Amino acid sequence: DASKLTDAVTTLDIIKTRRHILQIEELGNPYQVIAADVNG
């Protein structure tokens, strides 16, 4: 993938990940959880 990472990653991804961490709203499926683990 030669496209810019910012084409897919925005502040909304940070908001959703933060809500998951704070247990306000868990991510909807396991693939979203995997996507949030950006540092592996």
Full PDB file with SEQRES, HELIX, SHEET, SSBOND, CRYST1, ORIGX, SCALE, CONECT and MASTER records, all heavy atoms in Angstrom:
SEQRES   1 A   40  ASP ALA SER LYS LEU THR ASP ALA VAL THR THR LEU ASP          
SEQRES   2 A   40  ILE ILE LYS THR ARG ARG HIS ILE LEU GLN ILE GLU GLU          
SEQRES   3 A   40  LEU GLY ASN PRO TYR GLN VAL ILE ALA ALA ASP VAL ASN          
SEQRES   4 A   40  GLY                                                          
HELIX    1 AA1 LEU A    5  ASP A    7  5                                   3    
HELIX    2 AA2 THR A   11  ILE A   21  1                                  11    
HELIX    3 AA3 PRO A   30  ALA A   36  1                                   7    
CRYST1    1.000    1.000    1.000  90.00  90.00  90.00 P 1           1          
ORIGX1      1.000000  0.000000  0.000000        0.00000                         
ORIGX2      0.000000  1.000000  0.000000        0.00000                         
ORIGX3      0.000000  0.000000  1.000000        0.00000                         
SCALE1      1.000000  0.000000  0.000000        0.00000                         
SCALE2      0.000000  1.000000  0.000000        0.00000                         
SCALE3      0.000000  0.000000  1.000000        0.00000                         
ATOM      1  N   ASP A   1       0.846  -1.191   0.000  1.00  0.00           N  
ATOM      2  CA  ASP A   1       0.000   0.000   0.000  1.00  0.00           C  
ATOM      3  C   ASP A   1       0.884   1.244   0.000  1.00  0.00           C  
ATOM      4  O   ASP A   1       1.597   1.507   0.965  1.00  0.00           O  
ATOM      5  CB  ASP A   1      -0.915   0.011   1.235  1.00  0.00           C  
ATOM      6  CG  ASP A   1      -2.031   1.040   1.113  1.00  0.00           C  
ATOM      7  OD1 ASP A   1      -1.952   1.895   0.208  1.00  0.00           O  
ATOM      8  OD2 ASP A   1      -2.976   0.996   1.914  1.00  0.00           O  
ATOM      9  N   ALA A   2       0.839   1.989  -1.099  1.00  0.00           N  
ATOM     10  CA  ALA A   2       1.668   3.190  -1.225  1.00  0.00           C  
ATOM     11  C   ALA A   2       0.909   4.453  -0.838  1.00  0.00           C  
ATOM     12  O   ALA A   2       1.468   5.548  -0.884  1.00  0.00           O  
ATOM     13  CB  ALA A   2       2.177   3.316  -2.662  1.00  0.00           C  
ATOM     14  N   SER A   3      -0.364   4.327  -0.473  1.00  0.00           N  
ATOM     15  CA  SER A   3      -1.153   5.518  -0.128  1.00  0.00           C  
ATOM     16  C   SER A   3      -0.753   6.057   1.238  1.00  0.00           C  
ATOM     17  O   SER A   3      -0.139   5.358   2.051  1.00  0.00           O  
ATOM     18  CB  SER A   3      -2.646   5.183  -0.134  1.00  0.00           C  
ATOM     19  OG  SER A   3      -2.941   4.216   0.858  1.00  0.00           O  
ATOM     20  N   LYS A   4      -1.115   7.319   1.498  1.00  0.00           N  
ATOM     21  CA  LYS A   4      -0.813   7.926   2.782  1.00  0.00           C  
ATOM     22  C   LYS A   4      -1.639   7.270   3.879  1.00  0.00           C  
ATOM     23  O   LYS A   4      -2.814   6.969   3.691  1.00  0.00           O  
ATOM     24  CB  LYS A   4      -1.116   9.429   2.734  1.00  0.00           C  
ATOM     25  CG  LYS A   4      -0.251  10.230   1.804  1.00  0.00           C  
ATOM     26  CD  LYS A   4      -0.480  11.721   1.994  1.00  0.00           C  
ATOM     27  CE  LYS A   4      -1.925  12.095   1.770  1.00  0.00           C  
ATOM     28  NZ  LYS A   4      -2.144  13.558   1.928  1.00  0.00           N  
ATOM     29  N   LEU A   5      -1.016   7.064   5.018  1.00  0.00           N  
ATOM     30  CA  LEU A   5      -1.721   6.440   6.138  1.00  0.00           C  
ATOM     31  C   LEU A   5      -2.867   7.320   6.613  1.00  0.00           C  
ATOM     32  O   LEU A   5      -3.879   6.819   7.112  1.00  0.00           O  
ATOM     33  CB  LEU A   5      -0.741   6.169   7.276  1.00  0.00           C  
ATOM     34  CG  LEU A   5      -1.146   5.139   8.338  1.00  0.00           C  
ATOM     35  CD1 LEU A   5      -1.530   3.828   7.684  1.00  0.00           C  
ATOM     36  CD2 LEU A   5      -0.018   4.924   9.320  1.00  0.00           C  
ATOM     37  N   THR A   6      -2.736   8.654   6.449  1.00  0.00           N  
ATOM     38  CA  THR A   6      -3.798   9.567   6.881  1.00  0.00           C  
ATOM     39  C   THR A   6      -5.042   9.464   6.008  1.00  0.00           C  
ATOM     40  O   THR A   6      -6.072  10.041   6.346  1.00  0.00           O  
ATOM     41  CB  THR A   6      -3.294  11.018   6.879  1.00  0.00           C  
ATOM     42  OG1 THR A   6      -2.649  11.307   5.619  1.00  0.00           O  
ATOM     43  CG2 THR A   6      -2.308  11.253   7.996  1.00  0.00           C  
ATOM     44  N   ASP A   7      -4.965   8.739   4.872  1.00  0.00           N  
ATOM     45  CA  ASP A   7      -6.174   8.503   4.082  1.00  0.00           C  
ATOM     46  C   ASP A   7      -7.144   7.595   4.829  1.00  0.00           C  
ATOM     47  O   ASP A   7      -8.339   7.562   4.524  1.00  0.00           O  
ATOM     48  CB  ASP A   7      -5.830   7.859   2.731  1.00  0.00           C  
ATOM     49  CG  ASP A   7      -5.142   8.832   1.789  1.00  0.00           C  
ATOM     50  OD1 ASP A   7      -5.303  10.049   1.994  1.00  0.00           O  
ATOM     51  OD2 ASP A   7      -4.446   8.382   0.866  1.00  0.00           O  
ATOM     52  N   ALA A   8      -6.628   6.827   5.796  1.00  0.00           N  
ATOM     53  CA  ALA A   8      -7.485   5.888   6.532  1.00  0.00           C  
ATOM     54  C   ALA A   8      -7.530   6.171   8.019  1.00  0.00           C  
ATOM     55  O   ALA A   8      -8.469   5.753   8.697  1.00  0.00           O  
ATOM     56  CB  ALA A   8      -6.996   4.455   6.303  1.00  0.00           C  
ATOM     57  N   VAL A   9      -6.526   6.865   8.572  1.00  0.00           N  
ATOM     58  CA  VAL A   9      -6.445   7.086  10.016  1.00  0.00           C  
ATOM     59  C   VAL A   9      -6.745   8.543  10.326  1.00  0.00           C  
ATOM     60  O   VAL A   9      -6.090   9.447   9.802  1.00  0.00           O  
ATOM     61  CB  VAL A   9      -5.048   6.707  10.549  1.00  0.00           C  
ATOM     62  CG1 VAL A   9      -4.984   6.889  12.064  1.00  0.00           C  
ATOM     63  CG2 VAL A   9      -4.707   5.273  10.172  1.00  0.00           C  
ATOM     64  N   THR A  10      -7.755   8.785  11.161  1.00  0.00           N  
ATOM     65  CA  THR A  10      -8.156  10.142  11.524  1.00  0.00           C  
ATOM     66  C   THR A  10      -8.375  10.230  13.031  1.00  0.00           C  
ATOM     67  O   THR A  10      -8.257   9.237  13.764  1.00  0.00           O  
ATOM     68  CB  THR A  10      -9.465  10.547  10.812  1.00  0.00           C  
ATOM     69  OG1 THR A  10     -10.553   9.768  11.355  1.00  0.00           O  
ATOM     70  CG2 THR A  10      -9.380  10.323   9.313  1.00  0.00           C  
ATOM     71  N   THR A  11      -8.738  11.429  13.470  1.00  0.00           N  
ATOM     72  CA  THR A  11      -9.053  11.643  14.882  1.00  0.00           C  
ATOM     73  C   THR A  11     -10.207  10.762  15.337  1.00  0.00           C  
ATOM     74  O   THR A  11     -10.277  10.378  16.512  1.00  0.00           O  
ATOM     75  CB  THR A  11      -9.378  13.127  15.119  1.00  0.00           C  
ATOM     76  OG1 THR A  11      -8.236  13.913  14.750  1.00  0.00           O  
ATOM     77  CG2 THR A  11      -9.714  13.409  16.574  1.00  0.00           C  
ATOM     78  N   LEU A  12     -11.114  10.413  14.425  1.00  0.00           N  
ATOM     79  CA  LEU A  12     -12.230   9.544  14.798  1.00  0.00           C  
ATOM     80  C   LEU A  12     -11.731   8.176  15.266  1.00  0.00           C  
ATOM     81  O   LEU A  12     -12.310   7.589  16.186  1.00  0.00           O  
ATOM     82  CB  LEU A  12     -13.195   9.386  13.624  1.00  0.00           C  
ATOM     83  CG  LEU A  12     -14.442   8.544  13.895  1.00  0.00           C  
ATOM     84  CD1 LEU A  12     -15.227   9.078  15.084  1.00  0.00           C  
ATOM     85  CD2 LEU A  12     -15.337   8.488  12.659  1.00  0.00           C  
ATOM     86  N   ASP A  13     -10.678   7.666  14.649  1.00  0.00           N  
ATOM     87  CA  ASP A  13     -10.104   6.392  15.103  1.00  0.00           C  
ATOM     88  C   ASP A  13      -9.559   6.528  16.526  1.00  0.00           C  
ATOM     89  O   ASP A  13      -9.678   5.604  17.337  1.00  0.00           O  
ATOM     90  CB  ASP A  13      -8.992   5.954  14.152  1.00  0.00           C  
ATOM     91  CG  ASP A  13      -9.498   5.716  12.745  1.00  0.00           C  
ATOM     92  OD1 ASP A  13     -10.369   4.848  12.575  1.00  0.00           O  
ATOM     93  OD2 ASP A  13      -9.038   6.405  11.821  1.00  0.00           O  
ATOM     94  N   ILE A  14      -8.976   7.677  16.836  1.00  0.00           N  
ATOM     95  CA  ILE A  14      -8.477   7.927  18.191  1.00  0.00           C  
ATOM     96  C   ILE A  14      -9.645   7.996  19.174  1.00  0.00           C  
ATOM     97  O   ILE A  14      -9.587   7.422  20.269  1.00  0.00           O  
ATOM     98  CB  ILE A  14      -7.654   9.230  18.219  1.00  0.00           C  
ATOM     99  CG1 ILE A  14      -6.418   9.088  17.324  1.00  0.00           C  
ATOM    100  CG2 ILE A  14      -7.252   9.590  19.647  1.00  0.00           C  
ATOM    101  CD1 ILE A  14      -5.609  10.357  17.180  1.00  0.00           C  
ATOM    102  N   ILE A  15     -10.708   8.691  18.791  1.00  0.00           N  
ATOM    103  CA  ILE A  15     -11.883   8.814  19.666  1.00  0.00           C  
ATOM    104  C   ILE A  15     -12.465   7.437  19.973  1.00  0.00           C  
ATOM    105  O   ILE A  15     -12.742   7.097  21.136  1.00  0.00           O  
ATOM    106  CB  ILE A  15     -12.952   9.710  19.014  1.00  0.00           C  
ATOM    107  CG1 ILE A  15     -12.436  11.154  18.872  1.00  0.00           C  
ATOM    108  CG2 ILE A  15     -14.248   9.697  19.822  1.00  0.00           C  
ATOM    109  CD1 ILE A  15     -13.329  12.036  18.035  1.00  0.00           C  
ATOM    110  N   LYS A  16     -12.654   6.622  18.931  1.00  0.00           N  
ATOM    111  CA  LYS A  16     -13.242   5.292  19.127  1.00  0.00           C  
ATOM    112  C   LYS A  16     -12.331   4.402  19.989  1.00  0.00           C  
ATOM    113  O   LYS A  16     -12.811   3.650  20.843  1.00  0.00           O  
ATOM    114  CB  LYS A  16     -13.512   4.638  17.770  1.00  0.00           C  
ATOM    115  CG  LYS A  16     -14.751   5.180  17.055  1.00  0.00           C  
ATOM    116  CD  LYS A  16     -14.979   4.456  15.756  1.00  0.00           C  
ATOM    117  CE  LYS A  16     -16.331   4.809  15.151  1.00  0.00           C  
ATOM    118  NZ  LYS A  16     -17.453   4.218  15.882  1.00  0.00           N  
ATOM    119  N   THR A  17     -11.019   4.502  19.754  1.00  0.00           N  
ATOM    120  CA  THR A  17     -10.088   3.712  20.551  1.00  0.00           C  
ATOM    121  C   THR A  17     -10.090   4.175  22.002  1.00  0.00           C  
ATOM    122  O   THR A  17     -10.070   3.355  22.936  1.00  0.00           O  
ATOM    123  CB  THR A  17      -8.671   3.811  19.958  1.00  0.00           C  
ATOM    124  OG1 THR A  17      -8.693   3.364  18.601  1.00  0.00           O  
ATOM    125  CG2 THR A  17      -7.693   2.945  20.742  1.00  0.00           C  
ATOM    126  N   ARG A  18     -10.111   5.487  22.217  1.00  0.00           N  
ATOM    127  CA  ARG A  18     -10.154   6.014  23.589  1.00  0.00           C  
ATOM    128  C   ARG A  18     -11.431   5.555  24.295  1.00  0.00           C  
ATOM    129  O   ARG A  18     -11.403   5.168  25.469  1.00  0.00           O  
ATOM    130  CB  ARG A  18     -10.090   7.547  23.571  1.00  0.00           C  
ATOM    131  CG  ARG A  18      -9.965   8.144  24.973  1.00  0.00           C  
ATOM    132  CD  ARG A  18     -10.098   9.660  24.929  1.00  0.00           C  
ATOM    133  NE  ARG A  18      -9.030  10.309  24.225  1.00  0.00           N  
ATOM    134  CZ  ARG A  18      -7.843  10.611  24.754  1.00  0.00           C  
ATOM    135  NH1 ARG A  18      -7.582  10.275  26.021  1.00  0.00           N  
ATOM    136  NH2 ARG A  18      -6.919  11.227  24.053  1.00  0.00           N  
ATOM    137  N   ARG A  19     -12.561   5.584  23.617  1.00  0.00           N  
ATOM    138  CA  ARG A  19     -13.816   5.134  24.227  1.00  0.00           C  
ATOM    139  C   ARG A  19     -13.760   3.656  24.587  1.00  0.00           C  
ATOM    140  O   ARG A  19     -14.337   3.237  25.591  1.00  0.00           O  
ATOM    141  CB  ARG A  19     -14.990   5.418  23.274  1.00  0.00           C  
ATOM    142  CG  ARG A  19     -15.306   6.895  23.122  1.00  0.00           C  
ATOM    143  CD  ARG A  19     -16.569   7.107  22.308  1.00  0.00           C  
ATOM    144  NE  ARG A  19     -16.977   8.505  22.329  1.00  0.00           N  
ATOM    145  CZ  ARG A  19     -18.139   8.954  21.883  1.00  0.00           C  
ATOM    146  NH1 ARG A  19     -19.028   8.102  21.357  1.00  0.00           N  
ATOM    147  NH2 ARG A  19     -18.444  10.238  21.939  1.00  0.00           N  
ATOM    148  N   HIS A  20     -13.070   2.877  23.752  1.00  0.00           N  
ATOM    149  CA  HIS A  20     -12.916   1.450  24.052  1.00  0.00           C  
ATOM    150  C   HIS A  20     -12.054   1.264  25.293  1.00  0.00           C  
ATOM    151  O   HIS A  20     -12.395   0.462  26.186  1.00  0.00           O  
ATOM    152  CB  HIS A  20     -12.290   0.739  22.854  1.00  0.00           C  
ATOM    153  CG  HIS A  20     -12.068  -0.725  23.055  1.00  0.00           C  
ATOM    154  ND1 HIS A  20     -13.047  -1.667  22.814  1.00  0.00           N  
ATOM    155  CD2 HIS A  20     -10.982  -1.414  23.497  1.00  0.00           C  
ATOM    156  CE1 HIS A  20     -12.570  -2.870  23.079  1.00  0.00           C  
ATOM    157  NE2 HIS A  20     -11.322  -2.745  23.504  1.00  0.00           N  
ATOM    158  N   ILE A  21     -10.951   1.994  25.382  1.00  0.00           N  
ATOM    159  CA  ILE A  21     -10.064   1.882  26.543  1.00  0.00           C  
ATOM    160  C   ILE A  21     -10.794   2.271  27.820  1.00  0.00           C  
ATOM    161  O   ILE A  21     -10.663   1.614  28.865  1.00  0.00           O  
ATOM    162  CB  ILE A  21      -8.813   2.763  26.344  1.00  0.00           C  
ATOM    163  CG1 ILE A  21      -7.948   2.222  25.199  1.00  0.00           C  
ATOM    164  CG2 ILE A  21      -7.997   2.846  27.627  1.00  0.00           C  
ATOM    165  CD1 ILE A  21      -6.787   3.115  24.818  1.00  0.00           C  
ATOM    166  N   LEU A  22     -11.596   3.349  27.757  1.00  0.00           N  
ATOM    167  CA  LEU A  22     -12.318   3.847  28.931  1.00  0.00           C  
ATOM    168  C   LEU A  22     -13.611   3.085  29.195  1.00  0.00           C  
ATOM    169  O   LEU A  22     -14.357   3.416  30.116  1.00  0.00           O  
ATOM    170  CB  LEU A  22     -12.627   5.335  28.757  1.00  0.00           C  
ATOM    171  CG  LEU A  22     -11.402   6.265  28.674  1.00  0.00           C  
ATOM    172  CD1 LEU A  22     -11.841   7.697  28.392  1.00  0.00           C  
ATOM    173  CD2 LEU A  22     -10.589   6.197  29.957  1.00  0.00           C  
ATOM    174  N   GLN A  23     -13.899   2.074  28.351  1.00  0.00           N  
ATOM    175  CA  GLN A  23     -15.091   1.231  28.474  1.00  0.00           C  
ATOM    176  C   GLN A  23     -16.378   2.045  28.372  1.00  0.00           C  
ATOM    177  O   GLN A  23     -17.399   1.700  28.965  1.00  0.00           O  
ATOM    178  CB  GLN A  23     -15.061   0.444  29.790  1.00  0.00           C  
ATOM    179  CG  GLN A  23     -13.877  -0.516  29.880  1.00  0.00           C  
ATOM    180  CD  GLN A  23     -13.876  -1.348  31.141  1.00  0.00           C  
ATOM    181  OE1 GLN A  23     -14.563  -1.042  32.114  1.00  0.00           O  
ATOM    182  NE2 GLN A  23     -13.116  -2.434  31.141  1.00  0.00           N  
ATOM    183  N   ILE A  24     -16.320   3.122  27.610  1.00  0.00           N  
ATOM    184  CA  ILE A  24     -17.528   3.898  27.320  1.00  0.00           C  
ATOM    185  C   ILE A  24     -18.325   3.213  26.214  1.00  0.00           C  
ATOM    186  O   ILE A  24     -19.545   3.091  26.283  1.00  0.00           O  
ATOM    187  CB  ILE A  24     -17.147   5.333  26.902  1.00  0.00           C  
ATOM    188  CG1 ILE A  24     -16.478   6.061  28.064  1.00  0.00           C  
ATOM    189  CG2 ILE A  24     -18.373   6.111  26.427  1.00  0.00           C  
ATOM    190  CD1 ILE A  24     -15.921   7.419  27.700  1.00  0.00           C  
ATOM    191  N   GLU A  25     -17.614   2.769  25.199  1.00  0.00           N  
ATOM    192  CA  GLU A  25     -18.249   2.087  24.063  1.00  0.00           C  
ATOM    193  C   GLU A  25     -17.226   1.141  23.442  1.00  0.00           C  
ATOM    194  O   GLU A  25     -16.245   1.586  22.855  1.00  0.00           O  
ATOM    195  CB  GLU A  25     -18.729   3.099  23.018  1.00  0.00           C  
ATOM    196  CG  GLU A  25     -19.430   2.477  21.830  1.00  0.00           C  
ATOM    197  CD  GLU A  25     -19.859   3.508  20.805  1.00  0.00           C  
ATOM    198  OE1 GLU A  25     -19.598   4.709  21.023  1.00  0.00           O  
ATOM    199  OE2 GLU A  25     -20.451   3.108  19.796  1.00  0.00           O  
ATOM    200  N   GLU A  26     -17.446  -0.160  23.603  1.00  0.00           N  
ATOM    201  CA  GLU A  26     -16.488  -1.123  23.080  1.00  0.00           C  
ATOM    202  C   GLU A  26     -16.566  -1.189  21.555  1.00  0.00           C  
ATOM    203  O   GLU A  26     -17.615  -0.956  20.958  1.00  0.00           O  
ATOM    204  CB  GLU A  26     -16.733  -2.501  23.679  1.00  0.00           C  
ATOM    205  CG  GLU A  26     -16.435  -2.587  25.172  1.00  0.00           C  
ATOM    206  CD  GLU A  26     -16.446  -4.003  25.679  1.00  0.00           C  
ATOM    207  OE1 GLU A  26     -16.718  -4.921  24.865  1.00  0.00           O  
ATOM    208  OE2 GLU A  26     -16.184  -4.206  26.880  1.00  0.00           O  
ATOM    209  N   LEU A  27     -15.442  -1.507  20.944  1.00  0.00           N  
ATOM    210  CA  LEU A  27     -15.386  -1.640  19.493  1.00  0.00           C  
ATOM    211  C   LEU A  27     -16.270  -2.801  19.054  1.00  0.00           C  
ATOM    212  O   LEU A  27     -16.386  -3.807  19.736  1.00  0.00           O  
ATOM    213  CB  LEU A  27     -13.943  -1.843  19.049  1.00  0.00           C  
ATOM    214  CG  LEU A  27     -13.019  -0.644  19.331  1.00  0.00           C  
ATOM    215  CD1 LEU A  27     -11.570  -0.993  19.026  1.00  0.00           C  
ATOM    216  CD2 LEU A  27     -13.459   0.570  18.534  1.00  0.00           C  
ATOM    217  N   GLY A  28     -16.855  -2.644  17.856  1.00  0.00           N  
ATOM    218  CA  GLY A  28     -17.941  -3.527  17.448  1.00  0.00           C  
ATOM    219  C   GLY A  28     -17.559  -4.938  17.087  1.00  0.00           C  
ATOM    220  O   GLY A  28     -18.374  -5.852  17.209  1.00  0.00           O  
ATOM    221  N   ASN A  29     -16.341  -5.176  16.595  1.00  0.00           N  
ATOM    222  CA  ASN A  29     -15.962  -6.534  16.212  1.00  0.00           C  
ATOM    223  C   ASN A  29     -14.470  -6.731  16.468  1.00  0.00           C  
ATOM    224  O   ASN A  29     -13.715  -5.769  16.648  1.00  0.00           O  
ATOM    225  CB  ASN A  29     -16.336  -6.822  14.749  1.00  0.00           C  
ATOM    226  CG  ASN A  29     -15.579  -5.925  13.782  1.00  0.00           C  
ATOM    227  OD1 ASN A  29     -14.353  -5.962  13.711  1.00  0.00           O  
ATOM    228  ND2 ASN A  29     -16.314  -5.122  13.025  1.00  0.00           N  
ATOM    229  N   PRO A  30     -14.005  -7.979  16.485  1.00  0.00           N  
ATOM    230  CA  PRO A  30     -12.596  -8.237  16.826  1.00  0.00           C  
ATOM    231  C   PRO A  30     -11.612  -7.624  15.838  1.00  0.00           C  
ATOM    232  O   PRO A  30     -10.473  -7.328  16.203  1.00  0.00           O  
ATOM    233  CB  PRO A  30     -12.501  -9.764  16.835  1.00  0.00           C  
ATOM    234  CG  PRO A  30     -13.697 -10.248  16.093  1.00  0.00           C  
ATOM    235  CD  PRO A  30     -14.765  -9.235  16.312  1.00  0.00           C  
ATOM    236  N   TYR A  31     -12.039  -7.428  14.585  1.00  0.00           N  
ATOM    237  CA  TYR A  31     -11.130  -6.850  13.594  1.00  0.00           C  
ATOM    238  C   TYR A  31     -10.858  -5.379  13.889  1.00  0.00           C  
ATOM    239  O   TYR A  31      -9.760  -4.877  13.607  1.00  0.00           O  
ATOM    240  CB  TYR A  31     -11.693  -7.043  12.189  1.00  0.00           C  
ATOM    241  CG  TYR A  31     -11.879  -8.502  11.839  1.00  0.00           C  
ATOM    242  CD1 TYR A  31     -13.148  -9.075  11.811  1.00  0.00           C  
ATOM    243  CD2 TYR A  31     -10.781  -9.315  11.568  1.00  0.00           C  
ATOM    244  CE1 TYR A  31     -13.316 -10.419  11.512  1.00  0.00           C  
ATOM    245  CE2 TYR A  31     -10.934 -10.666  11.267  1.00  0.00           C  
ATOM    246  CZ  TYR A  31     -12.211 -11.210  11.243  1.00  0.00           C  
ATOM    247  OH  TYR A  31     -12.367 -12.540  10.955  1.00  0.00           O  
ATOM    248  N   GLN A  32     -11.832  -4.660  14.466  1.00  0.00           N  
ATOM    249  CA  GLN A  32     -11.597  -3.282  14.882  1.00  0.00           C  
ATOM    250  C   GLN A  32     -10.623  -3.237  16.057  1.00  0.00           C  
ATOM    251  O   GLN A  32      -9.783  -2.339  16.154  1.00  0.00           O  
ATOM    252  CB  GLN A  32     -12.913  -2.616  15.270  1.00  0.00           C  
ATOM    253  CG  GLN A  32     -13.827  -2.314  14.090  1.00  0.00           C  
ATOM    254  CD  GLN A  32     -15.130  -1.686  14.538  1.00  0.00           C  
ATOM    255  OE1 GLN A  32     -15.963  -2.331  15.183  1.00  0.00           O  
ATOM    256  NE2 GLN A  32     -15.318  -0.419  14.225  1.00  0.00           N  
ATOM    257  N   VAL A  33     -10.725  -4.220  16.948  1.00  0.00           N  
ATOM    258  CA  VAL A  33      -9.785  -4.299  18.076  1.00  0.00           C  
ATOM    259  C   VAL A  33      -8.371  -4.510  17.551  1.00  0.00           C  
ATOM    260  O   VAL A  33      -7.411  -3.869  18.002  1.00  0.00           O  
ATOM    261  CB  VAL A  33     -10.188  -5.432  19.038  1.00  0.00           C  
ATOM    262  CG1 VAL A  33      -9.159  -5.598  20.140  1.00  0.00           C  
ATOM    263  CG2 VAL A  33     -11.570  -5.163  19.635  1.00  0.00           C  
ATOM    264  N   ILE A  34      -8.230  -5.397  16.572  1.00  0.00           N  
ATOM    265  CA  ILE A  34      -6.912  -5.656  15.983  1.00  0.00           C  
ATOM    266  C   ILE A  34      -6.380  -4.392  15.320  1.00  0.00           C  
ATOM    267  O   ILE A  34      -5.193  -4.061  15.435  1.00  0.00           O  
ATOM    268  CB  ILE A  34      -7.008  -6.818  14.974  1.00  0.00           C  
ATOM    269  CG1 ILE A  34      -7.363  -8.119  15.701  1.00  0.00           C  
ATOM    270  CG2 ILE A  34      -5.714  -6.978  14.192  1.00  0.00           C  
ATOM    271  CD1 ILE A  34      -7.729  -9.263  14.770  1.00  0.00           C  
ATOM    272  N   ALA A  35      -7.257  -3.649  14.624  1.00  0.00           N  
ATOM    273  CA  ALA A  35      -6.839  -2.416  13.942  1.00  0.00           C  
ATOM    274  C   ALA A  35      -6.345  -1.370  14.927  1.00  0.00           C  
ATOM    275  O   ALA A  35      -5.458  -0.565  14.608  1.00  0.00           O  
ATOM    276  CB  ALA A  35      -7.987  -1.863  13.117  1.00  0.00           C  
ATOM    277  N   ALA A  36      -6.925  -1.346  16.139  1.00  0.00           N  
ATOM    278  CA  ALA A  36      -6.540  -0.345  17.137  1.00  0.00           C  
ATOM    279  C   ALA A  36      -5.178  -0.627  17.752  1.00  0.00           C  
ATOM    280  O   ALA A  36      -4.547   0.284  18.306  1.00  0.00           O  
ATOM    281  CB  ALA A  36      -7.602  -0.272  18.231  1.00  0.00           C  
ATOM    282  N   ASP A  37      -4.702  -1.841  17.642  1.00  0.00           N  
ATOM    283  CA  ASP A  37      -3.410  -2.220  18.229  1.00  0.00           C  
ATOM    284  C   ASP A  37      -2.297  -1.856  17.246  1.00  0.00           C  
ATOM    285  O   ASP A  37      -1.649  -2.722  16.663  1.00  0.00           O  
ATOM    286  CB  ASP A  37      -3.409  -3.714  18.545  1.00  0.00           C  
ATOM    287  CG  ASP A  37      -2.081  -4.201  19.100  1.00  0.00           C  
ATOM    288  OD1 ASP A  37      -1.369  -3.390  19.724  1.00  0.00           O  
ATOM    289  OD2 ASP A  37      -1.750  -5.386  18.889  1.00  0.00           O  
ATOM    290  N   VAL A  38      -2.045  -0.576  17.068  1.00  0.00           N  
ATOM    291  CA  VAL A  38      -1.122  -0.133  16.025  1.00  0.00           C  
ATOM    292  C   VAL A  38       0.335  -0.427  16.362  1.00  0.00           C  
ATOM    293  O   VAL A  38       1.183  -0.479  15.465  1.00  0.00           O  
ATOM    294  CB  VAL A  38      -1.299   1.367  15.728  1.00  0.00           C  
ATOM    295  CG1 VAL A  38      -2.716   1.653  15.251  1.00  0.00           C  
ATOM    296  CG2 VAL A  38      -0.972   2.229  16.944  1.00  0.00           C  
ATOM    297  N   ASN A  39       0.654  -0.611  17.633  1.00  0.00           N  
ATOM    298  CA  ASN A  39       2.055  -0.907  17.981  1.00  0.00           C  
ATOM    299  C   ASN A  39       2.326  -2.412  18.091  1.00  0.00           C  
ATOM    300  O   ASN A  39       3.428  -2.821  18.451  1.00  0.00           O  
ATOM    301  CB  ASN A  39       2.467  -0.190  19.267  1.00  0.00           C  
ATOM    302  CG  ASN A  39       1.710  -0.686  20.494  1.00  0.00           C  
ATOM    303  OD1 ASN A  39       0.868  -1.599  20.396  1.00  0.00           O  
ATOM    304  ND2 ASN A  39       1.975  -0.101  21.635  1.00  0.00           N  
ATOM    305  N   GLY A  40       1.314  -3.242  17.790  1.00  0.00           N  
ATOM    306  CA  GLY A  40       1.515  -4.684  17.740  1.00  0.00           C  
ATOM    307  C   GLY A  40       1.806  -5.336  19.067  1.00  0.00           C  
ATOM    308  O   GLY A  40       2.466  -6.376  19.124  1.00  0.00           O  
TER     309      GLY A  40                                                      
MASTER        0    0    0    3    0    0    0    6  308    1    0    4          
END                                                                             
